[in-house]
N, C-alpha and C. Protein backbone atom coordinates (compact mmCIF):
# COMPACT_ATOMS: atom_id res chain seq x y z
N MET A 1 2.13 14.97 35.12
CA MET A 1 1.17 15.07 34.03
C MET A 1 0.05 14.07 34.27
N SER A 2 -1.16 14.47 33.96
CA SER A 2 -2.28 13.55 34.14
C SER A 2 -3.04 13.42 32.84
N LEU A 3 -3.69 12.30 32.69
CA LEU A 3 -4.48 12.01 31.49
C LEU A 3 -5.93 11.85 31.88
N LEU A 4 -6.82 12.15 30.94
CA LEU A 4 -8.24 11.93 31.18
C LEU A 4 -8.64 10.59 30.59
N LYS A 5 -9.32 9.79 31.40
CA LYS A 5 -9.85 8.52 30.92
C LYS A 5 -11.25 8.40 31.49
N GLU A 6 -12.23 8.54 30.61
CA GLU A 6 -13.62 8.49 31.05
C GLU A 6 -13.86 9.47 32.20
N ASP A 7 -13.42 10.70 32.01
CA ASP A 7 -13.60 11.79 32.97
C ASP A 7 -12.93 11.52 34.32
N VAL A 8 -11.96 10.64 34.38
CA VAL A 8 -11.23 10.37 35.61
C VAL A 8 -9.78 10.77 35.37
N ARG A 9 -9.23 11.57 36.25
CA ARG A 9 -7.84 11.99 36.11
C ARG A 9 -6.93 10.88 36.65
N LEU A 10 -5.98 10.49 35.85
CA LEU A 10 -5.03 9.46 36.27
C LEU A 10 -3.74 10.15 36.67
N ASP A 11 -3.22 9.75 37.80
CA ASP A 11 -1.93 10.29 38.20
C ASP A 11 -0.81 9.42 37.65
N GLU A 12 0.41 9.81 37.89
CA GLU A 12 1.56 9.09 37.34
C GLU A 12 1.59 7.64 37.79
N SER A 13 1.21 7.37 39.01
CA SER A 13 1.20 6.00 39.52
C SER A 13 0.18 5.14 38.76
N SER A 14 -0.98 5.70 38.52
CA SER A 14 -2.01 4.96 37.77
C SER A 14 -1.56 4.67 36.36
N ILE A 15 -0.90 5.65 35.74
CA ILE A 15 -0.41 5.45 34.38
C ILE A 15 0.65 4.36 34.36
N ARG A 16 1.56 4.40 35.30
CA ARG A 16 2.59 3.35 35.37
C ARG A 16 1.96 1.97 35.53
N THR A 17 0.93 1.87 36.34
CA THR A 17 0.25 0.59 36.54
C THR A 17 -0.41 0.13 35.24
N GLU A 18 -1.07 1.05 34.54
CA GLU A 18 -1.74 0.71 33.28
C GLU A 18 -0.76 0.19 32.23
N PHE A 19 0.43 0.78 32.18
CA PHE A 19 1.40 0.44 31.15
C PHE A 19 2.49 -0.53 31.60
N ALA A 20 2.40 -1.05 32.81
CA ALA A 20 3.44 -1.93 33.35
C ALA A 20 3.64 -3.17 32.50
N GLU A 21 2.58 -3.70 31.94
CA GLU A 21 2.71 -4.93 31.15
C GLU A 21 3.34 -4.69 29.79
N PHE A 22 3.56 -3.45 29.43
CA PHE A 22 4.16 -3.13 28.14
C PHE A 22 5.68 -3.00 28.23
N CYS A 23 6.30 -3.67 29.17
CA CYS A 23 7.75 -3.63 29.32
C CYS A 23 8.41 -4.62 28.34
N ALA A 24 9.69 -4.44 28.14
CA ALA A 24 10.42 -5.28 27.19
C ALA A 24 10.31 -6.76 27.54
N GLU A 25 10.43 -7.09 28.81
CA GLU A 25 10.36 -8.50 29.22
C GLU A 25 9.01 -9.11 28.87
N SER A 26 7.94 -8.39 29.11
CA SER A 26 6.60 -8.88 28.80
C SER A 26 6.42 -9.09 27.30
N ILE A 27 6.98 -8.20 26.53
CA ILE A 27 6.91 -8.34 25.07
C ILE A 27 7.74 -9.53 24.61
N ASN A 28 8.97 -9.62 25.12
CA ASN A 28 9.89 -10.69 24.71
C ASN A 28 9.41 -12.07 25.10
N THR A 29 8.79 -12.20 26.25
CA THR A 29 8.32 -13.52 26.70
C THR A 29 6.97 -13.89 26.10
N GLY A 30 6.29 -12.90 25.53
CA GLY A 30 4.98 -13.15 24.94
C GLY A 30 3.83 -12.98 25.91
N ASP A 31 4.13 -12.61 27.16
CA ASP A 31 3.06 -12.43 28.15
C ASP A 31 2.08 -11.34 27.71
N LEU A 32 2.58 -10.29 27.13
CA LEU A 32 1.72 -9.20 26.67
C LEU A 32 0.71 -9.70 25.65
N TRP A 33 1.20 -10.51 24.72
CA TRP A 33 0.31 -11.01 23.66
C TRP A 33 -0.71 -11.99 24.21
N ARG A 34 -0.32 -12.82 25.17
CA ARG A 34 -1.26 -13.76 25.77
C ARG A 34 -2.37 -13.01 26.52
N LYS A 35 -2.00 -11.96 27.24
CA LYS A 35 -2.98 -11.19 28.01
C LYS A 35 -3.92 -10.41 27.10
N ARG A 36 -3.44 -10.01 25.96
CA ARG A 36 -4.22 -9.16 25.05
C ARG A 36 -4.79 -9.94 23.86
N ALA A 37 -4.70 -11.26 23.89
CA ALA A 37 -5.08 -12.09 22.74
C ALA A 37 -6.52 -11.87 22.30
N GLU A 38 -7.41 -11.64 23.26
CA GLU A 38 -8.81 -11.46 22.87
C GLU A 38 -9.02 -10.22 22.00
N ASN A 39 -8.09 -9.28 22.07
CA ASN A 39 -8.19 -8.06 21.26
C ASN A 39 -7.48 -8.17 19.92
N LEU A 40 -6.80 -9.29 19.69
CA LEU A 40 -6.01 -9.46 18.48
C LEU A 40 -6.65 -10.49 17.55
N ARG A 41 -7.67 -10.08 16.84
CA ARG A 41 -8.34 -10.98 15.91
C ARG A 41 -7.51 -11.06 14.63
N SER A 42 -7.28 -12.28 14.15
CA SER A 42 -6.42 -12.46 12.99
C SER A 42 -6.98 -11.80 11.74
N ASP A 43 -8.29 -11.71 11.61
CA ASP A 43 -8.87 -11.08 10.43
C ASP A 43 -8.71 -9.57 10.43
N LYS A 44 -8.27 -9.00 11.54
CA LYS A 44 -8.07 -7.55 11.64
C LYS A 44 -6.60 -7.16 11.49
N ARG A 45 -5.73 -8.15 11.36
CA ARG A 45 -4.30 -7.84 11.20
C ARG A 45 -4.08 -7.12 9.89
N VAL A 46 -3.11 -6.22 9.89
CA VAL A 46 -2.87 -5.40 8.70
C VAL A 46 -2.48 -6.24 7.49
N ASP A 47 -1.71 -7.31 7.69
CA ASP A 47 -1.32 -8.14 6.55
C ASP A 47 -2.52 -8.86 5.95
N LYS A 48 -3.43 -9.31 6.78
CA LYS A 48 -4.64 -9.99 6.28
C LYS A 48 -5.52 -9.00 5.52
N ARG A 49 -5.67 -7.80 6.07
CA ARG A 49 -6.49 -6.79 5.39
C ARG A 49 -5.87 -6.39 4.06
N LEU A 50 -4.54 -6.24 4.04
CA LEU A 50 -3.87 -5.87 2.80
C LEU A 50 -4.07 -6.95 1.74
N LEU A 51 -3.84 -8.20 2.10
CA LEU A 51 -4.00 -9.29 1.14
C LEU A 51 -5.44 -9.40 0.66
N HIS A 52 -6.39 -9.19 1.54
CA HIS A 52 -7.80 -9.22 1.16
C HIS A 52 -8.11 -8.10 0.17
N ARG A 53 -7.59 -6.91 0.42
CA ARG A 53 -7.84 -5.78 -0.48
C ARG A 53 -7.15 -5.97 -1.83
N LEU A 54 -5.96 -6.55 -1.83
CA LEU A 54 -5.29 -6.82 -3.10
C LEU A 54 -6.06 -7.87 -3.89
N SER A 55 -6.60 -8.86 -3.21
CA SER A 55 -7.42 -9.87 -3.87
C SER A 55 -8.69 -9.24 -4.45
N ASP A 56 -9.32 -8.34 -3.70
CA ASP A 56 -10.50 -7.63 -4.20
C ASP A 56 -10.15 -6.80 -5.43
N LEU A 57 -9.00 -6.15 -5.40
CA LEU A 57 -8.57 -5.34 -6.54
C LEU A 57 -8.35 -6.23 -7.76
N SER A 58 -7.71 -7.37 -7.57
CA SER A 58 -7.48 -8.30 -8.67
C SER A 58 -8.81 -8.76 -9.28
N LYS A 59 -9.75 -9.13 -8.45
CA LYS A 59 -11.07 -9.54 -8.94
C LYS A 59 -11.75 -8.42 -9.70
N HIS A 60 -11.68 -7.21 -9.17
CA HIS A 60 -12.29 -6.06 -9.83
C HIS A 60 -11.66 -5.82 -11.20
N LEU A 61 -10.34 -5.88 -11.27
CA LEU A 61 -9.67 -5.65 -12.55
C LEU A 61 -10.05 -6.71 -13.58
N GLN A 62 -10.23 -7.92 -13.11
CA GLN A 62 -10.59 -9.01 -14.03
C GLN A 62 -12.07 -8.97 -14.41
N GLU A 63 -12.93 -8.84 -13.42
CA GLU A 63 -14.37 -8.94 -13.67
C GLU A 63 -14.97 -7.65 -14.22
N GLU A 64 -14.54 -6.52 -13.72
CA GLU A 64 -15.14 -5.24 -14.12
C GLU A 64 -14.38 -4.55 -15.25
N LYS A 65 -13.06 -4.76 -15.31
CA LYS A 65 -12.25 -4.07 -16.31
C LYS A 65 -11.78 -4.99 -17.42
N GLY A 66 -12.04 -6.29 -17.29
CA GLY A 66 -11.75 -7.24 -18.35
C GLY A 66 -10.28 -7.61 -18.54
N LEU A 67 -9.46 -7.41 -17.53
CA LEU A 67 -8.05 -7.79 -17.65
C LEU A 67 -7.89 -9.29 -17.43
N ARG A 68 -6.96 -9.89 -18.16
CA ARG A 68 -6.60 -11.29 -17.92
C ARG A 68 -5.93 -11.38 -16.54
N PRO A 69 -6.07 -12.50 -15.86
CA PRO A 69 -5.48 -12.63 -14.52
C PRO A 69 -4.00 -12.28 -14.47
N GLU A 70 -3.21 -12.75 -15.46
CA GLU A 70 -1.77 -12.48 -15.42
C GLU A 70 -1.47 -10.99 -15.58
N VAL A 71 -2.31 -10.27 -16.32
CA VAL A 71 -2.11 -8.83 -16.49
C VAL A 71 -2.50 -8.11 -15.19
N ALA A 72 -3.63 -8.49 -14.61
CA ALA A 72 -4.07 -7.89 -13.35
C ALA A 72 -3.02 -8.10 -12.26
N HIS A 73 -2.50 -9.31 -12.17
CA HIS A 73 -1.51 -9.61 -11.13
C HIS A 73 -0.20 -8.88 -11.38
N ALA A 74 0.22 -8.81 -12.63
CA ALA A 74 1.46 -8.09 -12.95
C ALA A 74 1.30 -6.60 -12.64
N LEU A 75 0.15 -6.04 -12.95
CA LEU A 75 -0.10 -4.63 -12.69
C LEU A 75 -0.09 -4.34 -11.19
N ILE A 76 -0.77 -5.17 -10.42
CA ILE A 76 -0.78 -5.00 -8.97
C ILE A 76 0.64 -5.17 -8.41
N GLY A 77 1.34 -6.20 -8.85
CA GLY A 77 2.71 -6.41 -8.41
C GLY A 77 3.60 -5.24 -8.76
N LYS A 78 3.42 -4.71 -9.95
CA LYS A 78 4.21 -3.54 -10.39
C LYS A 78 3.99 -2.37 -9.45
N TYR A 79 2.74 -2.15 -9.06
CA TYR A 79 2.45 -1.03 -8.16
C TYR A 79 2.92 -1.28 -6.73
N VAL A 80 2.89 -2.51 -6.27
CA VAL A 80 3.47 -2.83 -4.96
C VAL A 80 4.96 -2.49 -5.00
N TYR A 81 5.62 -2.89 -6.06
CA TYR A 81 7.05 -2.64 -6.26
C TYR A 81 7.35 -1.14 -6.33
N ILE A 82 6.57 -0.42 -7.11
CA ILE A 82 6.79 1.03 -7.24
C ILE A 82 6.57 1.73 -5.91
N ARG A 83 5.53 1.36 -5.18
CA ARG A 83 5.29 1.97 -3.86
C ARG A 83 6.44 1.65 -2.91
N TYR A 84 6.95 0.44 -2.98
CA TYR A 84 8.09 0.07 -2.14
C TYR A 84 9.29 0.95 -2.46
N LEU A 85 9.60 1.08 -3.74
CA LEU A 85 10.73 1.91 -4.15
C LEU A 85 10.52 3.38 -3.77
N ARG A 86 9.31 3.84 -3.90
CA ARG A 86 8.98 5.23 -3.55
C ARG A 86 9.10 5.43 -2.05
N ASP A 87 8.55 4.53 -1.26
CA ASP A 87 8.59 4.66 0.19
C ASP A 87 10.01 4.55 0.74
N ARG A 88 10.88 3.85 0.04
CA ARG A 88 12.28 3.73 0.46
C ARG A 88 13.15 4.83 -0.15
N THR A 89 12.53 5.78 -0.82
CA THR A 89 13.17 6.92 -1.51
C THR A 89 14.17 6.50 -2.59
N ILE A 90 14.04 5.29 -3.08
CA ILE A 90 14.82 4.89 -4.24
C ILE A 90 14.27 5.64 -5.45
N LEU A 91 12.95 5.79 -5.48
CA LEU A 91 12.31 6.65 -6.47
C LEU A 91 12.10 8.02 -5.82
N SER A 92 13.18 8.72 -5.62
CA SER A 92 13.12 10.02 -4.97
C SER A 92 12.61 11.08 -5.94
N ASP A 93 12.17 12.18 -5.40
CA ASP A 93 11.74 13.30 -6.24
C ASP A 93 12.88 13.75 -7.15
N GLN A 94 14.09 13.77 -6.61
CA GLN A 94 15.26 14.18 -7.39
C GLN A 94 15.50 13.23 -8.57
N TRP A 95 15.46 11.92 -8.32
CA TRP A 95 15.67 10.94 -9.39
C TRP A 95 14.60 11.08 -10.45
N LEU A 96 13.35 11.19 -10.02
CA LEU A 96 12.25 11.34 -10.96
C LEU A 96 12.40 12.61 -11.79
N GLN A 97 12.82 13.68 -11.15
CA GLN A 97 13.02 14.94 -11.87
C GLN A 97 14.14 14.81 -12.90
N GLN A 98 15.24 14.16 -12.52
CA GLN A 98 16.35 13.94 -13.46
C GLN A 98 15.89 13.14 -14.67
N LYS A 99 15.00 12.20 -14.45
CA LYS A 99 14.49 11.35 -15.53
C LYS A 99 13.29 11.98 -16.23
N GLN A 100 12.90 13.15 -15.79
CA GLN A 100 11.77 13.89 -16.36
C GLN A 100 10.46 13.11 -16.29
N ILE A 101 10.23 12.55 -15.11
CA ILE A 101 8.99 11.81 -14.87
C ILE A 101 8.18 12.56 -13.82
N ALA A 102 6.98 12.90 -14.15
CA ALA A 102 6.06 13.49 -13.18
C ALA A 102 5.42 12.35 -12.41
N ILE A 103 5.58 12.35 -11.10
CA ILE A 103 5.08 11.24 -10.30
C ILE A 103 3.57 11.06 -10.47
N GLU A 104 2.85 12.13 -10.73
CA GLU A 104 1.40 12.02 -10.94
C GLU A 104 1.06 11.23 -12.20
N SER A 105 2.02 11.09 -13.12
CA SER A 105 1.75 10.29 -14.32
C SER A 105 1.87 8.80 -14.03
N VAL A 106 2.34 8.47 -12.82
CA VAL A 106 2.49 7.07 -12.42
C VAL A 106 1.65 6.76 -11.18
N LEU A 107 1.67 7.64 -10.22
CA LEU A 107 0.94 7.44 -8.97
C LEU A 107 -0.06 8.57 -8.78
N GLY A 108 -1.31 8.27 -8.85
CA GLY A 108 -2.33 9.29 -8.61
C GLY A 108 -3.46 9.21 -9.60
N ARG A 109 -4.37 10.12 -9.45
CA ARG A 109 -5.60 10.13 -10.24
C ARG A 109 -5.38 10.38 -11.73
N HIS A 110 -4.23 10.94 -12.06
CA HIS A 110 -3.97 11.27 -13.46
C HIS A 110 -2.88 10.37 -14.06
N ALA A 111 -2.67 9.22 -13.46
CA ALA A 111 -1.68 8.28 -13.99
C ALA A 111 -2.12 7.76 -15.35
N THR A 112 -1.13 7.47 -16.18
CA THR A 112 -1.41 7.01 -17.54
C THR A 112 -0.60 5.76 -17.86
N VAL A 113 -1.04 5.07 -18.89
CA VAL A 113 -0.29 3.92 -19.38
C VAL A 113 1.11 4.37 -19.77
N GLU A 114 1.20 5.49 -20.47
CA GLU A 114 2.50 5.97 -20.93
C GLU A 114 3.41 6.35 -19.76
N GLY A 115 2.85 6.95 -18.72
CA GLY A 115 3.65 7.28 -17.53
C GLY A 115 4.20 6.04 -16.87
N LEU A 116 3.35 5.03 -16.71
CA LEU A 116 3.79 3.76 -16.11
C LEU A 116 4.80 3.07 -16.99
N ARG A 117 4.57 3.07 -18.30
CA ARG A 117 5.50 2.43 -19.23
C ARG A 117 6.88 3.11 -19.16
N THR A 118 6.90 4.43 -19.16
CA THR A 118 8.16 5.17 -19.11
C THR A 118 8.94 4.84 -17.84
N LEU A 119 8.27 4.87 -16.70
CA LEU A 119 8.94 4.56 -15.43
C LEU A 119 9.41 3.12 -15.41
N THR A 120 8.58 2.21 -15.87
CA THR A 120 8.93 0.78 -15.89
C THR A 120 10.18 0.54 -16.73
N GLU A 121 10.23 1.14 -17.91
CA GLU A 121 11.40 0.96 -18.77
C GLU A 121 12.66 1.53 -18.13
N LEU A 122 12.56 2.68 -17.49
CA LEU A 122 13.71 3.26 -16.81
C LEU A 122 14.17 2.40 -15.64
N LEU A 123 13.22 1.90 -14.87
CA LEU A 123 13.57 1.03 -13.74
C LEU A 123 14.21 -0.27 -14.22
N ASP A 124 13.67 -0.85 -15.29
CA ASP A 124 14.24 -2.09 -15.83
C ASP A 124 15.68 -1.86 -16.26
N ASP A 125 15.95 -0.72 -16.90
CA ASP A 125 17.32 -0.40 -17.32
C ASP A 125 18.22 -0.12 -16.12
N GLN A 126 17.72 0.69 -15.18
CA GLN A 126 18.50 1.11 -14.02
C GLN A 126 18.83 -0.07 -13.10
N LEU A 127 17.86 -0.96 -12.91
CA LEU A 127 18.02 -2.06 -11.95
C LEU A 127 18.33 -3.39 -12.61
N ASN A 128 18.64 -3.36 -13.91
CA ASN A 128 19.07 -4.54 -14.66
C ASN A 128 18.09 -5.70 -14.60
N GLY A 129 16.86 -5.45 -14.92
CA GLY A 129 15.91 -6.55 -14.97
C GLY A 129 14.51 -6.07 -14.74
N SER A 130 13.57 -6.93 -15.02
CA SER A 130 12.17 -6.58 -14.89
C SER A 130 11.55 -7.32 -13.71
N ILE A 131 10.90 -6.56 -12.86
CA ILE A 131 10.16 -7.13 -11.74
C ILE A 131 8.68 -7.05 -12.11
N PHE A 132 7.95 -8.12 -11.96
CA PHE A 132 6.54 -8.18 -12.36
C PHE A 132 6.39 -7.73 -13.81
N PRO A 133 6.96 -8.50 -14.74
CA PRO A 133 6.94 -8.10 -16.15
C PRO A 133 5.51 -7.86 -16.65
N LEU A 134 5.38 -6.80 -17.42
CA LEU A 134 4.10 -6.41 -17.97
C LEU A 134 4.34 -5.94 -19.40
N ASP A 135 3.81 -6.70 -20.36
CA ASP A 135 3.98 -6.34 -21.77
C ASP A 135 2.88 -5.34 -22.15
N PHE A 136 3.27 -4.09 -22.22
CA PHE A 136 2.31 -3.03 -22.50
C PHE A 136 1.72 -3.15 -23.91
N ASN A 137 2.42 -3.81 -24.80
CA ASN A 137 1.95 -3.92 -26.18
C ASN A 137 0.86 -4.97 -26.36
N THR A 138 0.84 -5.98 -25.49
CA THR A 138 -0.13 -7.06 -25.65
C THR A 138 -1.16 -7.13 -24.52
N ALA A 139 -1.05 -6.26 -23.54
CA ALA A 139 -1.94 -6.30 -22.38
C ALA A 139 -3.28 -5.65 -22.73
N ALA A 140 -4.19 -6.45 -23.24
CA ALA A 140 -5.51 -5.95 -23.62
C ALA A 140 -6.24 -5.41 -22.40
N GLY A 141 -6.88 -4.27 -22.56
CA GLY A 141 -7.66 -3.67 -21.48
C GLY A 141 -6.87 -2.74 -20.59
N LEU A 142 -5.57 -2.62 -20.84
CA LEU A 142 -4.73 -1.75 -20.02
C LEU A 142 -4.89 -0.32 -20.53
N THR A 143 -5.82 0.41 -19.92
CA THR A 143 -6.14 1.77 -20.36
C THR A 143 -5.71 2.78 -19.32
N ASN A 144 -5.75 4.04 -19.70
CA ASN A 144 -5.44 5.11 -18.74
C ASN A 144 -6.40 5.06 -17.55
N GLU A 145 -7.65 4.71 -17.80
CA GLU A 145 -8.63 4.61 -16.72
C GLU A 145 -8.24 3.53 -15.71
N VAL A 146 -7.80 2.38 -16.20
CA VAL A 146 -7.38 1.28 -15.32
C VAL A 146 -6.13 1.67 -14.54
N ILE A 147 -5.16 2.26 -15.24
CA ILE A 147 -3.91 2.68 -14.57
C ILE A 147 -4.22 3.72 -13.50
N ALA A 148 -5.05 4.70 -13.83
CA ALA A 148 -5.40 5.74 -12.86
C ALA A 148 -6.11 5.16 -11.64
N LEU A 149 -6.98 4.17 -11.86
CA LEU A 149 -7.67 3.51 -10.76
C LEU A 149 -6.67 2.83 -9.82
N VAL A 150 -5.81 1.99 -10.38
CA VAL A 150 -4.85 1.25 -9.57
C VAL A 150 -3.88 2.21 -8.89
N ALA A 151 -3.40 3.21 -9.61
CA ALA A 151 -2.46 4.17 -9.04
C ALA A 151 -3.08 4.95 -7.89
N SER A 152 -4.31 5.38 -8.05
CA SER A 152 -4.95 6.16 -6.98
C SER A 152 -5.24 5.29 -5.76
N ILE A 153 -5.52 4.02 -5.97
CA ILE A 153 -5.72 3.12 -4.84
C ILE A 153 -4.40 2.95 -4.08
N PHE A 154 -3.30 2.77 -4.81
CA PHE A 154 -2.01 2.59 -4.15
C PHE A 154 -1.49 3.88 -3.51
N LYS A 155 -1.98 5.00 -3.97
CA LYS A 155 -1.59 6.26 -3.34
C LYS A 155 -2.50 6.56 -2.15
N GLY A 156 -3.58 5.80 -2.01
CA GLY A 156 -4.50 6.00 -0.89
C GLY A 156 -5.53 7.07 -1.17
N GLN A 157 -5.71 7.42 -2.43
CA GLN A 157 -6.65 8.47 -2.77
C GLN A 157 -8.06 7.96 -2.98
N ARG A 158 -8.20 6.69 -3.30
CA ARG A 158 -9.52 6.20 -3.65
C ARG A 158 -9.65 4.74 -3.25
N PRO A 159 -10.62 4.43 -2.41
CA PRO A 159 -10.84 3.03 -2.09
C PRO A 159 -11.53 2.33 -3.25
N LEU A 160 -11.31 1.05 -3.38
CA LEU A 160 -11.97 0.29 -4.44
C LEU A 160 -13.48 0.36 -4.24
N GLY A 161 -14.17 0.71 -5.32
CA GLY A 161 -15.61 0.80 -5.24
C GLY A 161 -16.11 2.15 -4.78
N GLY A 162 -15.21 3.10 -4.57
CA GLY A 162 -15.63 4.43 -4.14
C GLY A 162 -14.88 5.47 -4.90
N SER A 163 -15.34 6.71 -4.79
CA SER A 163 -14.69 7.79 -5.51
C SER A 163 -14.17 8.86 -4.58
N SER A 164 -14.38 8.72 -3.29
CA SER A 164 -13.92 9.76 -2.37
C SER A 164 -12.50 9.47 -1.90
N GLU A 165 -11.84 10.53 -1.54
CA GLU A 165 -10.45 10.41 -1.10
C GLU A 165 -10.40 9.78 0.29
N VAL A 166 -9.41 8.94 0.49
CA VAL A 166 -9.19 8.30 1.77
C VAL A 166 -8.39 9.23 2.63
N SER A 167 -8.82 9.43 3.85
CA SER A 167 -8.06 10.35 4.72
C SER A 167 -7.09 9.61 5.59
C-alpha cells in the first residue's frame, strides 16, 4: 500500500522510516516527545483549551447573564458531571427513559431549568448525595435561556458567543 504525501508516493519502506520513532520504546523513554517538542505548545493542549473555555463560560454567565459566581460555577460543574455520567453511559438512554426524562430537556438547545432540576434530584437520590450543589429556588438569573445556552455548549452544538452548530 502506498500513501500520497505532497504528490509523492511513499512505499512501505518510506512509511516505516517515517513512523519508526513512534515505537513503544521511544514513547516510554520520552524520546518521541523530545523530538517533537517544538510542535507541542502548552497553550494548544486540550486540557488548557478546555479550562480556558470553561473560564470564558463562567465570565459570560456572570457578566452577560448576571449569575453570581457560585451559581455559575455550580452550573458549569453540574454540566461537567452530567456529561461525564452520560459519556460513561451511567446516564444511559434506557435509564433516562425509565425515569421519564427527555435528554433534550437537560442537554441541548431546548434544555430547561425544570429538566435540569428533575435530573439533578433523581441523581442526588440515586447516587446518595449532591455533586456541585445548586439551589434552584434561590439561584437568581437561572432561566431556561441560561440552561439552554450551557447545555448546548456542553453538547457541542453552540460555541460561546456564536449561534452556529459546531461540527
